């Protein structure tokens, strides 16, 4: 049932996207705002998935809880990595 729903919505989405692309002006102010909003939503989803699903498993492990130095170094590396990616976003 879900596979059929996915196949149908994919085809409908392709059709809608094709129709919108013929009317779309990528340099209009409205298009730039919509693109910025969609980019920020997708970036937020990626950050959420990284923090909750990937990093949380590592930070909540027994090895991490028992070693304070490892915790400090891991959090420092996490924040430095996030800060570095934020700085790279300025030039992207």
PDB file of N, CA and C in Angstrom:
ATOM      1  N   UNK A   1       0.818  -1.185   0.000  1.00  0.00           N
ATOM      2  CA  UNK A   1       0.000   0.000   0.000  1.00  0.00           C
ATOM      3  C   UNK A   1       0.868   1.258   0.000  1.00  0.00           C
ATOM      4  N   UNK A   2       1.875   1.285   0.878  1.00  0.00           N
ATOM      5  CA  UNK A   2       2.752   2.452   0.958  1.00  0.00           C
ATOM      6  C   UNK A   2       3.595   2.607  -0.311  1.00  0.00           C
ATOM      7  N   UNK A   3       4.030   1.486  -0.906  1.00  0.00           N
ATOM      8  CA  UNK A   3       4.809   1.560  -2.141  1.00  0.00           C
ATOM      9  C   UNK A   3       3.970   2.144  -3.274  1.00  0.00           C
ATOM     10  N   UNK A   4       2.710   1.754  -3.351  1.00  0.00           N
ATOM     11  CA  UNK A   4       1.817   2.311  -4.377  1.00  0.00           C
ATOM     12  C   UNK A   4       1.594   3.800  -4.139  1.00  0.00           C
ATOM     13  N   UNK A   5       1.388   4.201  -2.886  1.00  0.00           N
ATOM     14  CA  UNK A   5       1.201   5.610  -2.560  1.00  0.00           C
ATOM     15  C   UNK A   5       2.444   6.411  -2.929  1.00  0.00           C
ATOM     16  N   UNK A   6       3.622   5.854  -2.639  1.00  0.00           N
ATOM     17  CA  UNK A   6       4.878   6.520  -2.986  1.00  0.00           C
ATOM     18  C   UNK A   6       5.011   6.685  -4.496  1.00  0.00           C
ATOM     19  N   UNK A   7       4.696   5.634  -5.233  1.00  0.00           N
ATOM     20  CA  UNK A   7       4.802   5.699  -6.699  1.00  0.00           C
ATOM     21  C   UNK A   7       3.844   6.736  -7.276  1.00  0.00           C
ATOM     22  N   UNK A   8       2.641   6.792  -6.763  1.00  0.00           N
ATOM     23  CA  UNK A   8       1.657   7.746  -7.279  1.00  0.00           C
ATOM     24  C   UNK A   8       2.063   9.180  -6.936  1.00  0.00           C
ATOM     25  N   UNK A   9       2.468   9.420  -5.692  1.00  0.00           N
ATOM     26  CA  UNK A   9       2.844  10.785  -5.313  1.00  0.00           C
ATOM     27  C   UNK A   9       4.115  11.222  -6.028  1.00  0.00           C
ATOM     28  N   UNK A  10       5.013  10.297  -6.330  1.00  0.00           N
ATOM     29  CA  UNK A  10       6.211  10.650  -7.080  1.00  0.00           C
ATOM     30  C   UNK A  10       5.853  11.129  -8.475  1.00  0.00           C
ATOM     31  N   UNK A  11       4.978  10.415  -9.139  1.00  0.00           N
ATOM     32  CA  UNK A  11       4.550  10.818 -10.483  1.00  0.00           C
ATOM     33  C   UNK A  11       3.822  12.157 -10.456  1.00  0.00           C
ATOM     34  N   UNK A  12       2.963  12.349  -9.478  1.00  0.00           N
ATOM     35  CA  UNK A  12       2.241  13.618  -9.364  1.00  0.00           C
ATOM     36  C   UNK A  12       3.222  14.757  -9.078  1.00  0.00           C
ATOM     37  N   UNK A  13       4.189  14.517  -8.222  1.00  0.00           N
ATOM     38  CA  UNK A  13       5.197  15.531  -7.913  1.00  0.00           C
ATOM     39  C   UNK A  13       6.038  15.900  -9.124  1.00  0.00           C
ATOM     40  N   UNK A  14       6.397  14.918  -9.931  1.00  0.00           N
ATOM     41  CA  UNK A  14       7.153  15.194 -11.155  1.00  0.00           C
ATOM     42  C   UNK A  14       6.320  16.036 -12.110  1.00  0.00           C
ATOM     43  N   UNK A  15       5.058  15.710 -12.230  1.00  0.00           N
ATOM     44  CA  UNK A  15       4.168  16.481 -13.100  1.00  0.00           C
ATOM     45  C   UNK A  15       4.022  17.921 -12.630  1.00  0.00           C
ATOM     46  N   UNK A  16       3.811  18.103 -11.338  1.00  0.00           N
ATOM     47  CA  UNK A  16       3.682  19.461 -10.790  1.00  0.00           C
ATOM     48  C   UNK A  16       5.001  20.227 -10.963  1.00  0.00           C
ATOM     49  N   UNK A  17       6.114  19.573 -10.695  1.00  0.00           N
ATOM     50  CA  UNK A  17       7.413  20.221 -10.849  1.00  0.00           C
ATOM     51  C   UNK A  17       7.701  20.622 -12.279  1.00  0.00           C
ATOM     52  N   UNK A  18       7.321  19.794 -13.226  1.00  0.00           N
ATOM     53  CA  UNK A  18       7.509  20.134 -14.638  1.00  0.00           C
ATOM     54  C   UNK A  18       6.679  21.344 -15.026  1.00  0.00           C
ATOM     55  N   UNK A  19       5.449  21.397 -14.551  1.00  0.00           N
ATOM     56  CA  UNK A  19       4.574  22.529 -14.872  1.00  0.00           C
ATOM     57  C   UNK A  19       5.074  23.820 -14.214  1.00  0.00           C
ATOM     58  N   UNK A  20       5.501  23.740 -12.969  1.00  0.00           N
ATOM     59  CA  UNK A  20       5.989  24.928 -12.269  1.00  0.00           C
ATOM     60  C   UNK A  20       7.286  25.429 -12.901  1.00  0.00           C
ATOM     61  N   UNK A  21       8.145  24.516 -13.371  1.00  0.00           N
ATOM     62  CA  UNK A  21       9.424  24.913 -13.969  1.00  0.00           C
ATOM     63  C   UNK A  21       9.231  25.761 -15.218  1.00  0.00           C
ATOM     64  N   UNK A  22       8.141  25.557 -15.931  1.00  0.00           N
ATOM     65  CA  UNK A  22       7.909  26.356 -17.132  1.00  0.00           C
ATOM     66  C   UNK A  22       7.464  27.777 -16.780  1.00  0.00           C
ATOM     67  N   UNK A  23       6.927  27.979 -15.586  1.00  0.00           N
ATOM     68  CA  UNK A  23       6.460  29.303 -15.160  1.00  0.00           C
ATOM     69  C   UNK A  23       7.427  29.991 -14.202  1.00  0.00           C
ATOM     70  N   UNK A  24       8.515  29.352 -13.882  1.00  0.00           N
ATOM     71  CA  UNK A  24       9.405  29.762 -12.795  1.00  0.00           C
ATOM     72  C   UNK A  24      10.456  30.758 -13.271  1.00  0.00           C
ATOM     73  N   UNK A  25      10.601  31.865 -12.577  1.00  0.00           N
ATOM     74  CA  UNK A  25      11.665  32.837 -12.820  1.00  0.00           C
ATOM     75  C   UNK A  25      12.616  32.785 -11.626  1.00  0.00           C
ATOM     76  N   UNK A  26      13.791  32.174 -11.768  1.00  0.00           N
ATOM     77  CA  UNK A  26      14.674  31.966 -10.612  1.00  0.00           C
ATOM     78  C   UNK A  26      15.260  33.242 -10.021  1.00  0.00           C
ATOM     79  N   UNK A  27      15.159  34.369 -10.713  1.00  0.00           N
ATOM     80  CA  UNK A  27      15.740  35.610 -10.204  1.00  0.00           C
ATOM     81  C   UNK A  27      14.727  36.542  -9.553  1.00  0.00           C
ATOM     82  N   UNK A  28      13.475  36.118  -9.461  1.00  0.00           N
ATOM     83  CA  UNK A  28      12.470  36.970  -8.828  1.00  0.00           C
ATOM     84  C   UNK A  28      12.641  36.952  -7.306  1.00  0.00           C
ATOM     85  N   UNK A  29      12.257  38.027  -6.641  1.00  0.00           N
ATOM     86  CA  UNK A  29      12.403  38.076  -5.175  1.00  0.00           C
ATOM     87  C   UNK A  29      11.624  36.964  -4.469  1.00  0.00           C
ATOM     88  N   UNK A  30      10.438  36.662  -4.951  1.00  0.00           N
ATOM     89  CA  UNK A  30       9.637  35.605  -4.328  1.00  0.00           C
ATOM     90  C   UNK A  30      10.329  34.243  -4.452  1.00  0.00           C
ATOM     91  N   UNK A  31      10.918  33.972  -5.617  1.00  0.00           N
ATOM     92  CA  UNK A  31      11.617  32.698  -5.811  1.00  0.00           C
ATOM     93  C   UNK A  31      12.818  32.592  -4.891  1.00  0.00           C
ATOM     94  N   UNK A  32      13.537  33.684  -4.693  1.00  0.00           N
ATOM     95  CA  UNK A  32      14.700  33.659  -3.808  1.00  0.00           C
ATOM     96  C   UNK A  32      14.294  33.428  -2.354  1.00  0.00           C
ATOM     97  N   UNK A  33      13.184  34.018  -1.932  1.00  0.00           N
ATOM     98  CA  UNK A  33      12.698  33.806  -0.566  1.00  0.00           C
ATOM     99  C   UNK A  33      12.267  32.356  -0.377  1.00  0.00           C
ATOM    100  N   UNK A  34      11.517  31.827  -1.339  1.00  0.00           N
ATOM    101  CA  UNK A  34      11.064  30.434  -1.233  1.00  0.00           C
ATOM    102  C   UNK A  34      12.254  29.483  -1.230  1.00  0.00           C
ATOM    103  N   UNK A  35      13.237  29.748  -2.068  1.00  0.00           N
ATOM    104  CA  UNK A  35      14.428  28.900  -2.108  1.00  0.00           C
ATOM    105  C   UNK A  35      15.187  28.954  -0.786  1.00  0.00           C
ATOM    106  N   UNK A  36      15.292  30.148  -0.196  1.00  0.00           N
ATOM    107  CA  UNK A  36      15.957  30.281   1.102  1.00  0.00           C
ATOM    108  C   UNK A  36      15.232  29.537   2.202  1.00  0.00           C
ATOM    109  N   UNK A  37      13.906  29.609   2.196  1.00  0.00           N
ATOM    110  CA  UNK A  37      13.119  28.899   3.215  1.00  0.00           C
ATOM    111  C   UNK A  37      13.278  27.390   3.059  1.00  0.00           C
ATOM    112  N   UNK A  38      13.188  26.897   1.835  1.00  0.00           N
ATOM    113  CA  UNK A  38      13.326  25.452   1.619  1.00  0.00           C
ATOM    114  C   UNK A  38      14.736  24.966   1.953  1.00  0.00           C
ATOM    115  N   UNK A  39      15.751  25.765   1.626  1.00  0.00           N
ATOM    116  CA  UNK A  39      17.124  25.400   1.989  1.00  0.00           C
ATOM    117  C   UNK A  39      17.303  25.335   3.502  1.00  0.00           C
ATOM    118  N   UNK A  40      16.724  26.297   4.215  1.00  0.00           N
ATOM    119  CA  UNK A  40      16.870  26.291   5.676  1.00  0.00           C
ATOM    120  C   UNK A  40      16.127  25.123   6.310  1.00  0.00           C
ATOM    121  N   UNK A  41      14.972  24.754   5.758  1.00  0.00           N
ATOM    122  CA  UNK A  41      14.242  23.591   6.275  1.00  0.00           C
ATOM    123  C   UNK A  41      15.042  22.317   6.067  1.00  0.00           C
ATOM    124  N   UNK A  42      15.615  22.147   4.878  1.00  0.00           N
ATOM    125  CA  UNK A  42      16.390  20.937   4.622  1.00  0.00           C
ATOM    126  C   UNK A  42      17.653  20.896   5.471  1.00  0.00           C
ATOM    127  N   UNK A  43      18.286  22.050   5.694  1.00  0.00           N
ATOM    128  CA  UNK A  43      19.464  22.083   6.564  1.00  0.00           C
ATOM    129  C   UNK A  43      19.089  21.743   7.996  1.00  0.00           C
ATOM    130  N   UNK A  44      17.947  22.237   8.449  1.00  0.00           N
ATOM    131  CA  UNK A  44      17.484  21.916   9.799  1.00  0.00           C
ATOM    132  C   UNK A  44      17.215  20.435   9.978  1.00  0.00           C
ATOM    133  N   UNK A  45      16.645  19.809   8.958  1.00  0.00           N
ATOM    134  CA  UNK A  45      16.393  18.365   9.027  1.00  0.00           C
ATOM    135  C   UNK A  45      17.705  17.604   9.098  1.00  0.00           C
ATOM    136  N   UNK A  46      18.699  18.026   8.325  1.00  0.00           N
ATOM    137  CA  UNK A  46      20.004  17.354   8.365  1.00  0.00           C
ATOM    138  C   UNK A  46      20.677  17.515   9.722  1.00  0.00           C
ATOM    139  N   UNK A  47      20.604  18.706  10.303  1.00  0.00           N
ATOM    140  CA  UNK A  47      21.201  18.930  11.628  1.00  0.00           C
ATOM    141  C   UNK A  47      20.486  18.079  12.670  1.00  0.00           C
ATOM    142  N   UNK A  48      19.171  18.040  12.611  1.00  0.00           N
ATOM    143  CA  UNK A  48      18.402  17.235  13.557  1.00  0.00           C
ATOM    144  C   UNK A  48      18.771  15.756  13.443  1.00  0.00           C
ATOM    145  N   UNK A  49      18.816  15.252  12.227  1.00  0.00           N
ATOM    146  CA  UNK A  49      19.150  13.835  12.035  1.00  0.00           C
ATOM    147  C   UNK A  49      20.556  13.529  12.533  1.00  0.00           C
ATOM    148  N   UNK A  50      21.484  14.431  12.275  1.00  0.00           N
ATOM    149  CA  UNK A  50      22.854  14.206  12.727  1.00  0.00           C
ATOM    150  C   UNK A  50      22.941  14.195  14.242  1.00  0.00           C
ATOM    151  N   UNK A  51      22.298  15.147  14.879  1.00  0.00           N
ATOM    152  CA  UNK A  51      22.407  15.241  16.341  1.00  0.00           C
ATOM    153  C   UNK A  51      21.628  14.153  17.057  1.00  0.00           C
ATOM    154  N   UNK A  52      20.426  13.884  16.624  1.00  0.00           N
ATOM    155  CA  UNK A  52      19.565  12.961  17.361  1.00  0.00           C
ATOM    156  C   UNK A  52      19.857  11.509  17.012  1.00  0.00           C
ATOM    157  N   UNK A  53      19.991  11.208  15.744  1.00  0.00           N
ATOM    158  CA  UNK A  53      20.126   9.809  15.346  1.00  0.00           C
ATOM    159  C   UNK A  53      21.564   9.310  15.288  1.00  0.00           C
ATOM    160  N   UNK A  54      22.493  10.160  14.920  1.00  0.00           N
ATOM    161  CA  UNK A  54      23.863   9.691  14.737  1.00  0.00           C
ATOM    162  C   UNK A  54      24.757   9.980  15.933  1.00  0.00           C
ATOM    163  N   UNK A  55      24.804  11.220  16.373  1.00  0.00           N
ATOM    164  CA  UNK A  55      25.742  11.605  17.421  1.00  0.00           C
ATOM    165  C   UNK A  55      25.258  11.181  18.803  1.00  0.00           C
ATOM    166  N   UNK A  56      23.958  11.205  19.022  1.00  0.00           N
ATOM    167  CA  UNK A  56      23.434  10.870  20.347  1.00  0.00           C
ATOM    168  C   UNK A  56      23.820   9.455  20.767  1.00  0.00           C
ATOM    169  N   UNK A  57      23.829   8.518  19.832  1.00  0.00           N
ATOM    170  CA  UNK A  57      24.203   7.141  20.167  1.00  0.00           C
ATOM    171  C   UNK A  57      25.640   7.069  20.666  1.00  0.00           C
ATOM    172  N   UNK A  58      26.517   7.849  20.072  1.00  0.00           N
ATOM    173  CA  UNK A  58      27.919   7.857  20.507  1.00  0.00           C
ATOM    174  C   UNK A  58      28.090   8.563  21.845  1.00  0.00           C
ATOM    175  N   UNK A  59      27.379   9.660  22.049  1.00  0.00           N
ATOM    176  CA  UNK A  59      27.551  10.449  23.265  1.00  0.00           C
ATOM    177  C   UNK A  59      26.868   9.818  24.474  1.00  0.00           C
ATOM    178  N   UNK A  60      25.936   8.922  24.261  1.00  0.00           N
ATOM    179  CA  UNK A  60      25.242   8.288  25.380  1.00  0.00           C
ATOM    180  C   UNK A  60      25.786   6.899  25.715  1.00  0.00           C
ATOM    181  N   UNK A  61      26.870   6.502  25.081  1.00  0.00           N
ATOM    182  CA  UNK A  61      27.460   5.188  25.329  1.00  0.00           C
ATOM    183  C   UNK A  61      28.161   5.110  26.674  1.00  0.00           C
ATOM    184  N   UNK A  62      28.411   3.897  27.116  1.00  0.00           N
ATOM    185  CA  UNK A  62      29.042   3.677  28.427  1.00  0.00           C
ATOM    186  C   UNK A  62      30.459   4.231  28.468  1.00  0.00           C
ATOM    187  N   UNK A  63      31.187   4.069  27.380  1.00  0.00           N
ATOM    188  CA  UNK A  63      32.568   4.554  27.335  1.00  0.00           C
ATOM    189  C   UNK A  63      32.618   6.067  27.508  1.00  0.00           C
ATOM    190  N   UNK A  64      31.677   6.772  26.911  1.00  0.00           N
ATOM    191  CA  UNK A  64      31.658   8.228  26.998  1.00  0.00           C
ATOM    192  C   UNK A  64      31.253   8.695  28.397  1.00  0.00           C
ATOM    193  N   UNK A  65      30.298   8.027  29.009  1.00  0.00           N
ATOM    194  CA  UNK A  65      29.831   8.433  30.340  1.00  0.00           C
ATOM    195  C   UNK A  65      30.877   8.240  31.412  1.00  0.00           C
ATOM    196  N   UNK A  66      31.770   7.290  31.214  1.00  0.00           N
ATOM    197  CA  UNK A  66      32.756   6.967  32.240  1.00  0.00           C
ATOM    198  C   UNK A  66      34.047   7.779  32.129  1.00  0.00           C
ATOM    199  N   UNK A  67      34.200   8.568  31.096  1.00  0.00           N
ATOM    200  CA  UNK A  67      35.448   9.281  30.869  1.00  0.00           C
ATOM    201  C   UNK A  67      35.149  10.767  30.634  1.00  0.00           C
ATOM    202  N   UNK A  68      35.405  11.591  31.645  1.00  0.00           N
ATOM    203  CA  UNK A  68      35.102  13.026  31.567  1.00  0.00           C
ATOM    204  C   UNK A  68      35.975  13.718  30.525  1.00  0.00           C
ATOM    205  N   UNK A  69      37.231  13.342  30.428  1.00  0.00           N
ATOM    206  CA  UNK A  69      38.125  13.957  29.440  1.00  0.00           C
ATOM    207  C   UNK A  69      37.650  13.661  28.024  1.00  0.00           C
ATOM    208  N   UNK A  70      37.207  12.453  27.776  1.00  0.00           N
ATOM    209  CA  UNK A  70      36.680  12.083  26.468  1.00  0.00           C
ATOM    210  C   UNK A  70      35.409  12.873  26.149  1.00  0.00           C
ATOM    211  N   UNK A  71      34.591  13.100  27.148  1.00  0.00           N
ATOM    212  CA  UNK A  71      33.379  13.909  26.949  1.00  0.00           C
ATOM    213  C   UNK A  71      33.729  15.332  26.547  1.00  0.00           C
ATOM    214  N   UNK A  72      34.649  15.950  27.264  1.00  0.00           N
ATOM    215  CA  UNK A  72      35.039  17.327  26.975  1.00  0.00           C
ATOM    216  C   UNK A  72      35.631  17.427  25.571  1.00  0.00           C
ATOM    217  N   UNK A  73      36.518  16.519  25.237  1.00  0.00           N
ATOM    218  CA  UNK A  73      37.148  16.544  23.920  1.00  0.00           C
ATOM    219  C   UNK A  73      36.122  16.289  22.807  1.00  0.00           C
ATOM    220  N   UNK A  74      35.185  15.401  23.051  1.00  0.00           N
ATOM    221  CA  UNK A  74      34.163  15.098  22.048  1.00  0.00           C
ATOM    222  C   UNK A  74      33.242  16.285  21.822  1.00  0.00           C
ATOM    223  N   UNK A  75      32.812  16.930  22.887  1.00  0.00           N
ATOM    224  CA  UNK A  75      31.962  18.117  22.738  1.00  0.00           C
ATOM    225  C   UNK A  75      32.724  19.258  22.067  1.00  0.00           C
ATOM    226  N   UNK A  76      33.989  19.422  22.411  1.00  0.00           N
ATOM    227  CA  UNK A  76      34.805  20.447  21.779  1.00  0.00           C
ATOM    228  C   UNK A  76      34.925  20.184  20.275  1.00  0.00           C
ATOM    229  N   UNK A  77      35.195  18.940  19.919  1.00  0.00           N
ATOM    230  CA  UNK A  77      35.288  18.585  18.502  1.00  0.00           C
ATOM    231  C   UNK A  77      33.955  18.788  17.785  1.00  0.00           C
ATOM    232  N   UNK A  78      32.858  18.463  18.450  1.00  0.00           N
ATOM    233  CA  UNK A  78      31.534  18.657  17.861  1.00  0.00           C
ATOM    234  C   UNK A  78      31.273  20.133  17.586  1.00  0.00           C
ATOM    235  N   UNK A  79      31.538  20.995  18.562  1.00  0.00           N
ATOM    236  CA  UNK A  79      31.284  22.422  18.387  1.00  0.00           C
ATOM    237  C   UNK A  79      32.248  23.057  17.390  1.00  0.00           C
ATOM    238  N   UNK A  80      33.501  22.621  17.375  1.00  0.00           N
ATOM    239  CA  UNK A  80      34.441  23.138  16.385  1.00  0.00           C
ATOM    240  C   UNK A  80      34.017  22.724  14.971  1.00  0.00           C
ATOM    241  N   UNK A  81      33.563  21.503  14.813  1.00  0.00           N
ATOM    242  CA  UNK A  81      33.086  21.043  13.507  1.00  0.00           C
ATOM    243  C   UNK A  81      31.859  21.800  13.049  1.00  0.00           C
ATOM    244  N   UNK A  82      30.908  22.010  13.955  1.00  0.00           N
ATOM    245  CA  UNK A  82      29.700  22.771  13.608  1.00  0.00           C
ATOM    246  C   UNK A  82      30.052  24.215  13.277  1.00  0.00           C
ATOM    247  N   UNK A  83      30.954  24.801  14.033  1.00  0.00           N
ATOM    248  CA  UNK A  83      31.397  26.171  13.740  1.00  0.00           C
ATOM    249  C   UNK A  83      32.116  26.283  12.405  1.00  0.00           C
ATOM    250  N   UNK A  84      32.942  25.292  12.098  1.00  0.00           N
ATOM    251  CA  UNK A  84      33.638  25.286  10.815  1.00  0.00           C
ATOM    252  C   UNK A  84      32.670  25.185   9.643  1.00  0.00           C
ATOM    253  N   UNK A  85      31.667  24.344   9.788  1.00  0.00           N
ATOM    254  CA  UNK A  85      30.657  24.222   8.730  1.00  0.00           C
ATOM    255  C   UNK A  85      29.852  25.511   8.593  1.00  0.00           C
ATOM    256  N   UNK A  86      29.604  26.204   9.684  1.00  0.00           N
ATOM    257  CA  UNK A  86      28.903  27.485   9.623  1.00  0.00           C
ATOM    258  C   UNK A  86      29.732  28.526   8.904  1.00  0.00           C
ATOM    259  N   UNK A  87      31.041  28.549   9.164  1.00  0.00           N
ATOM    260  CA  UNK A  87      31.904  29.481   8.451  1.00  0.00           C
ATOM    261  C   UNK A  87      31.968  29.162   6.968  1.00  0.00           C
ATOM    262  N   UNK A  88      31.982  27.890   6.625  1.00  0.00           N
ATOM    263  CA  UNK A  88      31.978  27.513   5.207  1.00  0.00           C
ATOM    264  C   UNK A  88      30.678  27.924   4.523  1.00  0.00           C
ATOM    265  N   UNK A  89      29.596  27.940   5.260  1.00  0.00           N
ATOM    266  CA  UNK A  89      28.301  28.320   4.687  1.00  0.00           C
ATOM    267  C   UNK A  89      28.285  29.783   4.266  1.00  0.00           C
ATOM    268  N   UNK A  90      29.122  30.601   4.871  1.00  0.00           N
ATOM    269  CA  UNK A  90      29.188  32.015   4.486  1.00  0.00           C
ATOM    270  C   UNK A  90      29.638  32.149   3.028  1.00  0.00           C
ATOM    271  N   UNK A  91      30.597  31.298   2.620  1.00  0.00           N
ATOM    272  CA  UNK A  91      31.127  31.397   1.269  1.00  0.00           C
ATOM    273  C   UNK A  91      30.359  30.567   0.255  1.00  0.00           C
ATOM    274  N   UNK A  92      29.477  29.733   0.703  1.00  0.00           N
ATOM    275  CA  UNK A  92      28.744  28.843  -0.224  1.00  0.00           C
ATOM    276  C   UNK A  92      27.573  29.551  -0.866  1.00  0.00           C
TER     277      UNK A  92
END
